[in-house]
Amino acid sequence: MAAPVLTSEETLHWLALRMTPGLGTLSTVRLLEKLKSPQDIFRSSATELQAAGLSPAQARSIATGCSFDDAVDQQGRMMKAGAQLISIQDSRYPKQLREIYDPPLVLFSLGRTELLDTPGIAVVGTRRPSPYGLAATERLSSDLAKAGLTIVSGMARGIDTAAHRAALAVGGRTVAVFGCGVDVLYPSENRKLYGEIAREGLLLSEFPMGAPAYPQNFPIRNRIVSGLSNGVLIVEGAQHSGSAITAKVGMDQGREVFAVPGNITSRMSWGPNLLIKQGAKLVQEWTDVTEELPDSVRRELVSQARQRMLLENPKEAPEAAAEGPEAPVKALSRQLLNTLQVDEPKGLDALLETFEAVSSSELIGALFDLEMSGLIRQAPGKKFLRVW
């Protein structure tokens, strides 16, 4: 059973546990299985801690309480920044992140923690993208955000930054996972984006407040980017780049891996093109991603889309018709959705014959709305199918 949101005292003990030298995440998780809480751990003697599986050095580090000075400093930094701590036992800790091989013991967060409970897609790539890579990232990230997915990335230069900005631009959700403290602005040119995500999205890190952006932190950070997500989309990157590492980690975690194909003469296309050869799903449009996600995620996206289009409760349609000019389009969308089949594509001409009182522009507008919501897809020859 997940614990409720932490009190100030509980936060201090979790911070002290996190700051204890020589104590890794896996050994701490095993210790918590036996002693239940950080408070119980710090109340235990060195002998009891060794009996619970710790080495003598680890037991002494905890028993002396030497990490509490660092914990108090961390708590002060968190209060100053407005950050929150999410422990692995916290009710807000993402379930699928908890299930990876080496989940972070705690997460430092700044922003909307409720985004941790939303379906997400990781969008990652090179720090030196081509114009093609940037255009693909912006289009796919905005479309996926509009479809109801949270865009997860690392706020690095290039593809990561473009993905976050595209999601915010369409009013979507985004989570930035840092390789430093959440109170450390990195890279420095992303100051405006940092502020926007702190207000409208979520900044997240397993590294303590004030931790610098050391190069070795970023591969460690990548397992959280993929662990938070239902799939990993690689746009551009070299064969052995950080994005390739994220894709590999995602595969190990059982995540779907997607890749945007690129120019075979460009080194930045080697990573995604190789992933496609190895079995990653080739992505040309956002529906290539959504149709491969787990059924539970797809049902949630459909539910969100239906709510946006007043499809959840058809009885509201007559009332909505008096509310504004968009209501007839939504009513037509409902009728179209009931008409289209999953396994029998219908062409535009056939639909125009079915809906004789509707103009072609109205019909195309309604089809477009349904397609953007992920409820239908377009087959070759201007034919349409219901997705679910």
Protein backbone atom coordinates (compact mmCIF):
# COMPACT_ATOMS: atom_id res chain seq x y z
CA MET A 1 0.00 0.00 0.00
CA ALA A 2 1.47 3.37 -1.04
CA ALA A 3 2.02 5.90 1.71
CA PRO A 4 0.35 9.32 1.68
CA VAL A 5 2.19 12.54 0.87
CA LEU A 6 5.21 13.02 3.14
CA THR A 7 5.25 15.16 6.28
CA SER A 8 8.18 17.46 7.03
CA GLU A 9 9.69 14.94 9.47
CA GLU A 10 9.28 12.06 7.02
CA THR A 11 10.87 14.14 4.27
CA LEU A 12 13.87 14.82 6.52
CA HIS A 13 14.37 11.11 7.22
CA TRP A 14 14.06 10.19 3.54
CA LEU A 15 16.62 12.87 2.69
CA ALA A 16 18.97 11.57 5.38
CA LEU A 17 18.63 8.07 3.95
CA ARG A 18 19.29 9.37 0.43
CA MET A 19 22.36 11.32 1.59
CA THR A 20 23.91 8.45 3.57
CA PRO A 21 27.31 7.68 1.97
CA GLY A 22 27.91 4.18 0.64
CA LEU A 23 24.22 3.24 0.60
CA GLY A 24 22.92 2.32 -2.85
CA THR A 25 19.31 2.25 -4.04
CA LEU A 26 18.94 -1.53 -4.23
CA SER A 27 20.39 -2.15 -0.76
CA THR A 28 18.16 0.61 0.63
CA VAL A 29 15.06 -0.89 -0.96
CA ARG A 30 15.90 -4.31 0.52
CA LEU A 31 16.45 -2.66 3.90
CA LEU A 32 13.07 -0.92 3.68
CA GLU A 33 11.40 -4.27 3.01
CA LYS A 34 12.62 -5.42 6.43
CA LEU A 35 12.48 -2.22 8.50
CA LYS A 36 9.50 -0.57 6.75
CA SER A 37 10.40 3.13 7.03
CA PRO A 38 13.40 5.50 7.22
CA GLN A 39 12.44 6.39 10.81
CA ASP A 40 12.66 2.70 11.80
CA ILE A 41 15.99 2.41 10.02
CA PHE A 42 17.53 5.35 11.88
CA ARG A 43 16.17 4.03 15.20
CA SER A 44 17.99 0.73 14.68
CA SER A 45 21.41 -0.05 16.12
CA ALA A 46 24.43 -0.90 13.96
CA THR A 47 24.05 -4.55 15.03
CA GLU A 48 20.40 -4.62 13.94
CA LEU A 49 21.27 -2.96 10.63
CA GLN A 50 23.97 -5.55 9.93
CA ALA A 51 21.48 -8.31 10.76
CA ALA A 52 19.17 -6.73 8.17
CA GLY A 53 21.83 -7.16 5.49
CA LEU A 54 24.04 -4.05 5.58
CA SER A 55 27.81 -4.07 5.68
CA PRO A 56 29.51 -2.82 8.88
CA ALA A 57 30.50 0.44 7.14
CA GLN A 58 26.96 1.06 5.89
CA ALA A 59 25.50 0.27 9.30
CA ARG A 60 27.90 2.70 11.01
CA SER A 61 27.03 5.46 8.51
CA ILE A 62 23.35 5.15 9.38
CA ALA A 63 23.77 4.58 13.13
CA THR A 64 25.89 7.72 13.57
CA GLY A 65 23.24 9.85 11.84
CA CYS A 66 25.99 11.76 10.01
CA SER A 67 23.77 12.43 6.99
CA PHE A 68 21.21 14.56 8.87
CA ASP A 69 23.24 17.74 8.45
CA ASP A 70 23.11 17.23 4.68
CA ALA A 71 19.41 16.38 4.94
CA VAL A 72 18.63 19.63 6.75
CA ASP A 73 20.54 21.56 4.06
CA GLN A 74 18.61 19.73 1.33
CA GLN A 75 15.28 20.42 2.99
CA GLY A 76 16.12 24.12 3.17
CA ARG A 77 17.04 24.18 -0.52
CA MET A 78 13.77 22.44 -1.38
CA MET A 79 11.71 24.96 0.58
CA LYS A 80 13.51 27.85 -1.10
CA ALA A 81 12.89 26.42 -4.59
CA GLY A 82 9.35 25.22 -3.86
CA ALA A 83 10.34 21.62 -4.64
CA GLN A 84 8.77 18.45 -3.24
CA LEU A 85 10.19 15.03 -2.40
CA ILE A 86 8.51 11.88 -3.70
CA SER A 87 9.74 8.68 -2.05
CA ILE A 88 9.49 5.20 -3.51
CA GLN A 89 6.72 4.50 -0.96
CA ASP A 90 4.84 7.70 -1.84
CA SER A 91 1.37 7.46 -3.38
CA ARG A 92 2.56 9.83 -6.15
CA TYR A 93 5.52 7.67 -7.18
CA PRO A 94 4.83 6.32 -10.71
CA LYS A 95 3.91 2.63 -10.62
CA GLN A 96 5.75 1.66 -13.78
CA LEU A 97 8.92 3.47 -12.64
CA ARG A 98 8.79 1.57 -9.34
CA GLU A 99 8.81 -1.67 -11.34
CA ILE A 100 12.10 -1.11 -13.23
CA TYR A 101 15.25 -2.94 -12.12
CA ASP A 102 16.84 -0.02 -10.22
CA PRO A 103 14.14 2.58 -9.43
CA PRO A 104 15.35 5.81 -7.79
CA LEU A 105 14.82 5.86 -4.05
CA VAL A 106 13.46 9.41 -4.12
CA LEU A 107 12.48 11.94 -6.76
CA PHE A 108 12.93 15.69 -6.36
CA SER A 109 10.08 17.46 -8.16
CA LEU A 110 9.12 20.99 -9.10
CA GLY A 111 5.76 21.58 -10.74
CA ARG A 112 2.65 19.48 -11.34
CA THR A 113 3.27 16.12 -9.68
CA GLU A 114 -0.10 14.84 -10.94
CA LEU A 115 1.54 14.45 -14.37
CA LEU A 116 3.33 11.38 -13.00
CA ASP A 117 -0.03 9.58 -13.18
CA THR A 118 -0.58 10.26 -16.90
CA PRO A 119 0.36 8.14 -19.95
CA GLY A 120 3.61 9.35 -21.47
CA ILE A 121 5.95 8.97 -24.42
CA ALA A 122 9.67 9.73 -24.22
CA VAL A 123 10.94 11.86 -27.13
CA VAL A 124 14.74 12.00 -27.27
CA GLY A 125 17.52 12.68 -29.75
CA THR A 126 20.71 14.50 -30.57
CA ARG A 127 21.83 17.84 -29.16
CA ARG A 128 22.80 18.88 -32.71
CA PRO A 129 19.71 18.18 -34.81
CA SER A 130 19.23 18.92 -38.47
CA PRO A 131 16.32 21.13 -39.64
CA TYR A 132 14.56 17.89 -40.62
CA GLY A 133 15.03 16.47 -37.12
CA LEU A 134 13.67 19.60 -35.48
CA ALA A 135 10.65 19.69 -37.82
CA ALA A 136 9.88 16.01 -37.18
CA THR A 137 10.20 16.50 -33.41
CA GLU A 138 7.93 19.53 -33.34
CA ARG A 139 5.24 17.91 -35.47
CA LEU A 140 5.22 14.54 -33.71
CA SER A 141 5.50 15.97 -30.18
CA SER A 142 2.65 18.44 -30.72
CA ASP A 143 0.43 15.77 -32.30
CA LEU A 144 1.17 13.25 -29.53
CA ALA A 145 0.54 15.89 -26.88
CA LYS A 146 -2.78 16.81 -28.50
CA ALA A 147 -3.67 13.11 -28.55
CA GLY A 148 -3.36 13.08 -24.74
CA LEU A 149 0.18 11.78 -24.13
CA THR A 150 2.62 13.48 -21.76
CA ILE A 151 5.89 14.29 -23.54
CA VAL A 152 8.84 13.11 -21.41
CA SER A 153 12.39 14.21 -22.21
CA GLY A 154 15.63 15.45 -20.67
CA MET A 155 15.54 19.19 -21.54
CA ALA A 156 18.95 18.91 -23.21
CA ARG A 157 19.78 21.10 -26.19
CA GLY A 158 18.32 20.08 -29.55
CA ILE A 159 15.65 17.40 -29.83
CA ASP A 160 14.76 17.35 -26.10
CA THR A 161 14.18 21.10 -25.98
CA ALA A 162 12.13 21.03 -29.20
CA ALA A 163 9.91 18.24 -27.80
CA HIS A 164 9.15 20.13 -24.57
CA ARG A 165 8.43 23.38 -26.40
CA ALA A 166 6.13 21.70 -28.93
CA ALA A 167 4.07 20.10 -26.17
CA LEU A 168 3.69 23.37 -24.29
CA ALA A 169 2.82 25.26 -27.48
CA VAL A 170 -0.36 23.21 -27.96
CA GLY A 171 -1.34 23.25 -24.29
CA GLY A 172 -0.07 19.71 -23.73
CA ARG A 173 1.70 18.08 -20.80
CA THR A 174 5.46 17.65 -20.47
CA VAL A 175 7.93 16.26 -17.91
CA ALA A 176 11.65 17.17 -17.95
CA VAL A 177 14.00 14.71 -16.22
CA PHE A 178 17.26 16.33 -15.11
CA GLY A 179 20.79 14.98 -14.81
CA CYS A 180 21.38 17.54 -12.05
CA GLY A 181 19.37 19.09 -9.23
CA VAL A 182 15.95 20.46 -10.18
CA ASP A 183 17.11 23.85 -8.90
CA VAL A 184 20.06 23.91 -11.33
CA LEU A 185 19.39 25.59 -14.67
CA TYR A 186 20.96 23.43 -17.38
CA PRO A 187 21.53 24.25 -20.15
CA SER A 188 21.62 27.96 -19.30
CA GLU A 189 19.91 29.07 -22.53
CA ASN A 190 16.76 27.19 -21.47
CA ARG A 191 15.93 29.66 -18.69
CA LYS A 192 12.55 30.59 -20.20
CA LEU A 193 11.66 26.95 -20.92
CA TYR A 194 12.68 26.00 -17.35
CA GLY A 195 10.20 28.53 -15.96
CA GLU A 196 7.40 27.41 -18.28
CA ILE A 197 7.81 23.73 -17.35
CA ALA A 198 7.99 24.56 -13.64
CA ARG A 199 4.63 26.36 -13.96
CA GLU A 200 2.80 24.21 -16.50
CA GLY A 201 4.64 20.88 -16.48
CA LEU A 202 6.99 19.00 -14.16
CA LEU A 203 10.74 19.13 -13.48
CA LEU A 204 12.09 15.89 -12.02
CA SER A 205 15.43 14.51 -10.80
CA GLU A 206 16.84 11.80 -8.56
CA PHE A 207 19.92 13.96 -7.91
CA PRO A 208 19.96 16.14 -4.78
CA MET A 209 19.26 19.85 -4.84
CA GLY A 210 22.23 21.80 -6.13
CA ALA A 211 23.86 18.76 -7.76
CA PRO A 212 25.91 19.88 -10.81
CA ALA A 213 25.28 18.53 -14.31
CA TYR A 214 28.16 16.03 -14.39
CA PRO A 215 28.46 14.11 -17.70
CA GLN A 216 28.15 10.74 -15.94
CA ASN A 217 24.73 11.73 -14.57
CA PHE A 218 22.98 11.76 -17.93
CA PRO A 219 23.16 8.02 -18.77
CA ILE A 220 21.88 7.38 -15.23
CA ARG A 221 19.06 9.86 -15.81
CA ASN A 222 18.00 8.14 -19.04
CA ARG A 223 16.53 5.10 -17.27
CA ILE A 224 14.03 7.45 -15.59
CA VAL A 225 13.07 9.07 -18.92
CA SER A 226 12.18 5.65 -20.35
CA GLY A 227 10.89 4.27 -17.04
CA LEU A 228 8.27 7.02 -16.77
CA SER A 229 7.06 6.42 -20.32
CA ASN A 230 4.97 3.88 -22.19
CA GLY A 231 7.32 4.07 -25.17
CA VAL A 232 10.51 5.75 -26.39
CA LEU A 233 10.65 7.74 -29.64
CA ILE A 234 14.11 8.42 -31.12
CA VAL A 235 14.24 11.21 -33.69
CA GLU A 236 17.93 11.74 -34.51
CA GLY A 237 21.15 10.50 -32.93
CA ALA A 238 24.47 8.85 -33.63
CA GLN A 239 24.87 5.09 -33.29
CA HIS A 240 26.27 5.22 -29.74
CA SER A 241 24.57 8.42 -28.57
CA GLY A 242 22.66 9.09 -25.37
CA SER A 243 19.38 8.61 -27.21
CA ALA A 244 20.56 5.16 -28.33
CA ILE A 245 21.31 4.36 -24.67
CA THR A 246 17.79 5.47 -23.73
CA ALA A 247 16.34 3.21 -26.44
CA LYS A 248 18.38 0.25 -25.16
CA VAL A 249 17.31 0.90 -21.58
CA GLY A 250 13.70 1.23 -22.76
CA MET A 251 13.91 -2.17 -24.46
CA ASP A 252 15.30 -3.71 -21.27
CA GLN A 253 12.38 -2.19 -19.35
CA GLY A 254 9.87 -3.66 -21.79
CA ARG A 255 8.95 -0.35 -23.40
CA GLU A 256 7.95 0.03 -27.04
CA VAL A 257 10.72 1.68 -29.07
CA PHE A 258 9.94 3.95 -32.03
CA ALA A 259 12.26 5.69 -34.48
CA VAL A 260 11.93 8.37 -37.14
CA PRO A 261 13.80 7.30 -40.31
CA GLY A 262 16.43 9.68 -41.61
CA ASN A 263 18.79 10.44 -44.46
CA ILE A 264 21.20 7.51 -44.88
CA THR A 265 24.07 9.91 -45.59
CA SER A 266 23.65 11.71 -42.25
CA ARG A 267 25.47 10.47 -39.15
CA MET A 268 22.57 11.73 -37.05
CA SER A 269 20.35 9.16 -38.77
CA TRP A 270 22.52 6.17 -37.97
CA GLY A 271 20.95 5.65 -34.54
CA PRO A 272 17.25 5.64 -35.50
CA ASN A 273 17.85 3.84 -38.81
CA LEU A 274 19.76 1.07 -37.01
CA LEU A 275 17.01 0.76 -34.42
CA ILE A 276 14.46 0.31 -37.22
CA LYS A 277 16.62 -2.46 -38.71
CA GLN A 278 16.68 -4.09 -35.27
CA GLY A 279 12.89 -4.03 -34.93
CA ALA A 280 11.92 -0.58 -33.68
CA LYS A 281 8.64 0.75 -35.10
CA LEU A 282 9.15 3.18 -38.00
CA VAL A 283 7.27 6.42 -37.30
CA GLN A 284 5.95 8.79 -39.96
CA GLU A 285 2.97 10.18 -38.05
CA TRP A 286 1.69 10.19 -34.49
CA THR A 287 -0.78 7.32 -35.02
CA ASP A 288 2.21 5.03 -35.70
CA VAL A 289 2.98 5.50 -32.00
CA THR A 290 -0.47 5.38 -30.43
CA GLU A 291 -1.56 2.21 -32.21
CA GLU A 292 1.36 0.29 -30.61
CA LEU A 293 0.74 1.42 -27.03
CA PRO A 294 -0.83 -0.92 -24.42
CA ASP A 295 -4.59 -1.33 -24.60
CA SER A 296 -5.09 0.38 -21.25
CA VAL A 297 -3.25 3.47 -22.48
CA ARG A 298 -5.15 3.56 -25.75
CA ARG A 299 -8.46 3.30 -23.89
CA GLU A 300 -7.43 6.21 -21.68
CA LEU A 301 -6.53 8.33 -24.72
CA VAL A 302 -9.88 7.52 -26.32
CA SER A 303 -11.67 8.45 -23.11
CA GLN A 304 -9.85 11.79 -23.02
CA ALA A 305 -10.69 12.43 -26.68
CA ARG A 306 -14.34 11.59 -26.16
CA GLN A 307 -14.58 13.95 -23.24
CA ARG A 308 -13.03 16.73 -25.30
CA MET A 309 -15.51 16.17 -28.11
CA LEU A 310 -18.60 15.67 -25.91
CA LEU A 311 -18.74 12.03 -26.96
CA GLU A 312 -18.85 10.65 -23.43
CA ASN A 313 -22.51 11.57 -22.92
CA PRO A 314 -24.58 11.82 -26.13
CA LYS A 315 -27.56 13.13 -24.11
CA GLU A 316 -25.70 16.42 -23.77
CA ALA A 317 -25.72 16.95 -27.54
CA PRO A 318 -29.06 18.83 -27.74
CA GLU A 319 -27.92 21.20 -24.98
CA ALA A 320 -24.55 21.65 -26.65
CA ALA A 321 -26.21 22.51 -29.95
CA ALA A 322 -27.43 25.75 -28.45
CA GLU A 323 -24.02 26.64 -27.01
CA GLY A 324 -22.07 27.57 -30.12
CA PRO A 325 -21.11 26.87 -33.74
CA GLU A 326 -18.79 23.95 -32.86
CA ALA A 327 -21.64 21.80 -31.52
CA PRO A 328 -22.93 20.62 -34.96
CA VAL A 329 -19.42 19.48 -35.86
CA LYS A 330 -19.23 17.44 -32.66
CA ALA A 331 -22.65 15.94 -33.34
CA LEU A 332 -21.50 14.95 -36.83
CA SER A 333 -18.35 13.44 -35.31
CA ARG A 334 -20.47 11.20 -33.11
CA GLN A 335 -22.49 10.04 -36.10
CA LEU A 336 -19.35 9.37 -38.13
CA LEU A 337 -17.81 7.37 -35.31
CA ASN A 338 -20.93 5.19 -35.13
CA THR A 339 -20.85 4.69 -38.91
CA LEU A 340 -17.18 3.78 -39.41
CA GLN A 341 -15.98 0.23 -38.83
CA VAL A 342 -12.70 -1.17 -37.50
CA ASP A 343 -12.14 -3.60 -40.36
CA GLU A 344 -14.04 -2.06 -43.30
CA PRO A 345 -12.65 1.22 -44.68
CA LYS A 346 -15.14 3.69 -46.10
CA GLY A 347 -14.24 6.25 -48.73
CA LEU A 348 -15.07 9.93 -48.69
CA ASP A 349 -17.59 9.57 -51.54
CA ALA A 350 -19.46 6.82 -49.70
CA LEU A 351 -19.61 8.91 -46.55
CA LEU A 352 -20.95 11.90 -48.48
CA GLU A 353 -23.74 9.69 -49.83
CA THR A 354 -24.53 8.50 -46.29
CA PHE A 355 -24.64 12.05 -44.93
CA GLU A 356 -26.49 13.78 -47.78
CA ALA A 357 -27.41 16.86 -45.76
CA VAL A 358 -23.76 17.59 -44.89
CA SER A 359 -21.37 19.54 -47.11
CA SER A 360 -18.00 18.07 -48.06
CA SER A 361 -16.14 20.73 -46.04
CA GLU A 362 -18.17 19.93 -42.90
CA LEU A 363 -17.56 16.21 -43.35
CA ILE A 364 -13.82 16.66 -43.91
CA GLY A 365 -13.63 18.91 -40.82
CA ALA A 366 -15.33 16.29 -38.66
CA LEU A 367 -13.09 13.53 -40.04
CA PHE A 368 -10.04 15.64 -39.29
CA ASP A 369 -11.17 16.18 -35.67
CA LEU A 370 -11.69 12.46 -35.20
CA GLU A 371 -8.32 11.65 -36.74
CA MET A 372 -6.50 14.18 -34.55
CA SER A 373 -8.20 12.67 -31.51
CA GLY A 374 -6.94 9.21 -32.44
CA LEU A 375 -10.43 7.75 -32.85
CA ILE A 376 -10.12 7.03 -36.59
CA ARG A 377 -7.26 6.66 -39.06
CA GLN A 378 -6.94 7.31 -42.75
CA ALA A 379 -6.14 4.40 -45.07
CA PRO A 380 -4.77 4.79 -48.63
CA GLY A 381 -7.25 6.18 -51.14
CA LYS A 382 -8.91 8.66 -48.75
CA LYS A 383 -10.64 5.85 -46.89
CA PHE A 384 -11.29 5.87 -43.15
CA LEU A 385 -11.35 3.25 -40.40
CA ARG A 386 -12.37 3.36 -36.77
CA VAL A 387 -9.29 2.76 -34.61
CA TRP A 388 -10.94 1.08 -31.61
